[in-house]
Amino acid sequence: MCFASPIASTWGLRLDTLALLAGARFMGDEIPLHTDQAAADNSRFGSLIACGPHVAGVHACIIPTHFARMGVGALGIESSVRYELPIFADVTYSMNWTVQSLASQRRNWLVALAGDVADLEHGVAIRATAAILLLQKI
C-alpha cells in the first residue's frame, strides 16, 4: 500500500428537522435546543440545532468509509472535536478530511487527519482531528 501524496475527501450533509430530532433521541440527548421545537425557537439560535456528537459521529464515519471504498481497512485510534458554530436544519454542509501525515507501522500505516464541517454562509461549525491505522488485512 502506497500513498504518494495526501488525499482529501469531501462529502455533503443536510439534515432536516426530523433528522435533528432523531439524532438527538438516538444519542440520548434531552437538551431542549435539540429536542423541543418551541424552546429552541425561543432560544438565542432561533430554531432547533443538531446534537454535536450526532454530527461529529457522521463526520467521523467518513474516514473508514473512504478507505473501505479503496479496499483498505481502517481502525480508529483517537479523535478530537471542537464545536465552533451550531448545525441547523435544512442547511447544506460540506464535511472534509485531509491526511496530514503518514507513518509506516510494519505492514500498516498510521495516518493523522484534520477535518471540518462547514457551510458557505457561516463558515466552519466543527473542527476535528483523528488518527487511524490503515490495515493491510482486517
Protein backbone atom coordinates (compact mmCIF):
# COMPACT_ATOMS: atom_id res chain seq x y z
CA MET A 1 0.00 0.00 0.00
CA CYS A 2 1.49 3.34 -1.02
CA PHE A 3 0.25 6.92 -0.84
CA ALA A 4 2.33 9.33 -2.90
CA SER A 5 0.53 12.45 -1.67
CA PRO A 6 -2.06 13.45 0.91
CA ILE A 7 -5.65 12.70 -0.03
CA ALA A 8 -8.79 14.66 0.74
CA SER A 9 -12.42 13.63 0.93
CA THR A 10 -15.42 15.96 0.81
CA TRP A 11 -18.98 14.84 1.50
CA GLY A 12 -22.22 16.74 1.86
CA LEU A 13 -24.57 16.80 4.83
CA ARG A 14 -28.08 18.22 5.01
CA LEU A 15 -30.28 17.29 7.98
CA ASP A 16 -33.95 18.21 8.16
CA THR A 17 -35.78 18.85 11.44
CA LEU A 18 -36.84 15.21 11.79
CA ALA A 19 -33.22 14.08 11.36
CA LEU A 20 -32.08 16.53 14.08
CA LEU A 21 -34.75 15.21 16.46
CA ALA A 22 -33.95 11.57 15.63
CA GLY A 23 -30.20 12.16 16.07
CA ALA A 24 -30.72 13.72 19.50
CA ARG A 25 -33.05 10.90 20.53
CA PHE A 26 -30.57 8.26 19.33
CA MET A 27 -27.74 9.94 21.28
CA GLY A 28 -29.85 10.09 24.46
CA ASP A 29 -29.75 13.89 24.32
CA GLU A 30 -32.57 15.60 26.21
CA ILE A 31 -31.37 19.20 25.82
CA PRO A 32 -34.33 21.36 24.68
CA LEU A 33 -32.20 23.07 21.99
CA HIS A 34 -32.02 19.65 20.33
CA THR A 35 -35.42 18.16 21.21
CA ASP A 36 -38.07 20.85 21.81
CA GLN A 37 -39.06 22.98 18.82
CA ALA A 38 -40.84 25.66 20.89
CA ALA A 39 -37.99 26.04 23.38
CA ALA A 40 -35.42 26.12 20.58
CA ASP A 41 -37.43 28.71 18.64
CA ASN A 42 -37.24 31.00 21.70
CA SER A 43 -33.51 30.43 22.21
CA ARG A 44 -30.63 32.61 21.05
CA PHE A 45 -30.34 30.31 17.99
CA GLY A 46 -33.97 30.81 16.90
CA SER A 47 -34.52 27.17 15.95
CA LEU A 48 -33.53 23.60 16.69
CA ILE A 49 -29.83 22.83 16.40
CA ALA A 50 -28.17 19.46 15.97
CA CYS A 51 -26.75 17.42 18.81
CA GLY A 52 -22.99 17.91 18.41
CA PRO A 53 -21.94 14.27 18.92
CA HIS A 54 -24.51 13.18 16.33
CA VAL A 55 -22.96 15.34 13.60
CA ALA A 56 -19.41 14.62 14.79
CA GLY A 57 -20.17 10.90 14.54
CA VAL A 58 -21.45 11.22 10.98
CA HIS A 59 -18.34 13.25 10.14
CA ALA A 60 -16.04 10.64 11.72
CA CYS A 61 -17.69 7.80 9.77
CA ILE A 62 -16.47 9.32 6.53
CA ILE A 63 -12.92 8.20 7.33
CA PRO A 64 -13.35 4.41 7.37
CA THR A 65 -15.93 4.60 4.57
CA HIS A 66 -13.49 6.49 2.36
CA PHE A 67 -10.72 3.95 2.87
CA ALA A 68 -13.06 0.95 2.61
CA ARG A 69 -14.02 2.17 -0.86
CA MET A 70 -10.32 1.98 -1.70
CA GLY A 71 -10.25 -1.61 -0.45
CA VAL A 72 -8.33 -0.74 2.72
CA GLY A 73 -9.35 -1.41 6.32
CA ALA A 74 -9.23 1.47 8.80
CA LEU A 75 -9.09 1.20 12.58
CA GLY A 76 -9.81 4.36 14.58
CA ILE A 77 -7.23 5.19 17.25
CA GLU A 78 -8.23 8.64 18.51
CA SER A 79 -10.21 11.74 17.65
CA SER A 80 -10.79 15.24 18.93
CA VAL A 81 -13.70 17.55 18.12
CA ARG A 82 -14.19 21.28 18.62
CA TYR A 83 -17.69 22.74 18.15
CA GLU A 84 -17.47 26.31 16.83
CA LEU A 85 -20.95 27.01 15.44
CA PRO A 86 -24.32 25.26 15.66
CA ILE A 87 -25.54 22.93 12.94
CA PHE A 88 -29.00 23.99 11.73
CA ALA A 89 -31.70 22.03 9.91
CA ASP A 90 -32.04 22.37 6.16
CA VAL A 91 -28.58 23.87 5.60
CA THR A 92 -26.09 22.07 3.35
CA TYR A 93 -22.73 21.49 4.99
CA SER A 94 -19.51 20.15 3.49
CA MET A 95 -17.68 17.54 5.54
CA ASN A 96 -13.97 17.29 4.84
CA TRP A 97 -10.99 15.24 5.97
CA THR A 98 -7.42 15.74 4.79
CA VAL A 99 -4.47 13.48 5.52
CA GLN A 100 -1.85 15.43 7.47
CA SER A 101 0.79 12.72 7.79
CA LEU A 102 1.53 9.07 7.09
CA ALA A 103 3.92 6.84 9.01
CA SER A 104 4.75 3.25 8.22
CA GLN A 105 3.87 0.81 11.02
CA ARG A 106 5.33 -2.51 9.85
CA ARG A 107 2.87 -3.58 7.13
CA ASN A 108 0.28 -0.95 8.07
CA TRP A 109 0.09 2.85 8.04
CA LEU A 110 -0.54 5.31 10.88
CA VAL A 111 -2.49 8.24 9.43
CA ALA A 112 -3.17 11.63 11.05
CA LEU A 113 -6.10 13.62 9.63
CA ALA A 114 -7.67 17.04 10.10
CA GLY A 115 -11.27 17.75 9.16
CA ASP A 116 -14.12 20.19 9.35
CA VAL A 117 -17.84 20.59 8.83
CA ALA A 118 -18.71 23.94 7.27
CA ASP A 119 -21.27 25.81 5.21
CA LEU A 120 -20.59 28.60 2.73
CA GLU A 121 -22.57 31.27 4.58
CA HIS A 122 -21.35 30.84 8.17
CA GLY A 123 -18.04 29.00 7.83
CA VAL A 124 -16.63 26.20 9.95
CA ALA A 125 -19.02 24.72 12.51
CA ILE A 126 -16.89 21.74 13.62
CA ARG A 127 -13.12 21.21 13.52
CA ALA A 128 -11.71 17.76 14.20
CA THR A 129 -8.55 15.70 14.21
CA ALA A 130 -8.23 11.95 14.03
CA ALA A 131 -5.65 9.20 13.95
CA ILE A 132 -6.30 5.88 12.26
CA LEU A 133 -4.39 2.76 11.41
CA LEU A 134 -4.77 1.61 7.81
CA LEU A 135 -4.66 -2.16 7.81
CA GLN A 136 -3.41 -4.39 5.07
CA LYS A 137 -5.79 -7.02 6.42
CA ILE A 138 -8.80 -6.61 8.72
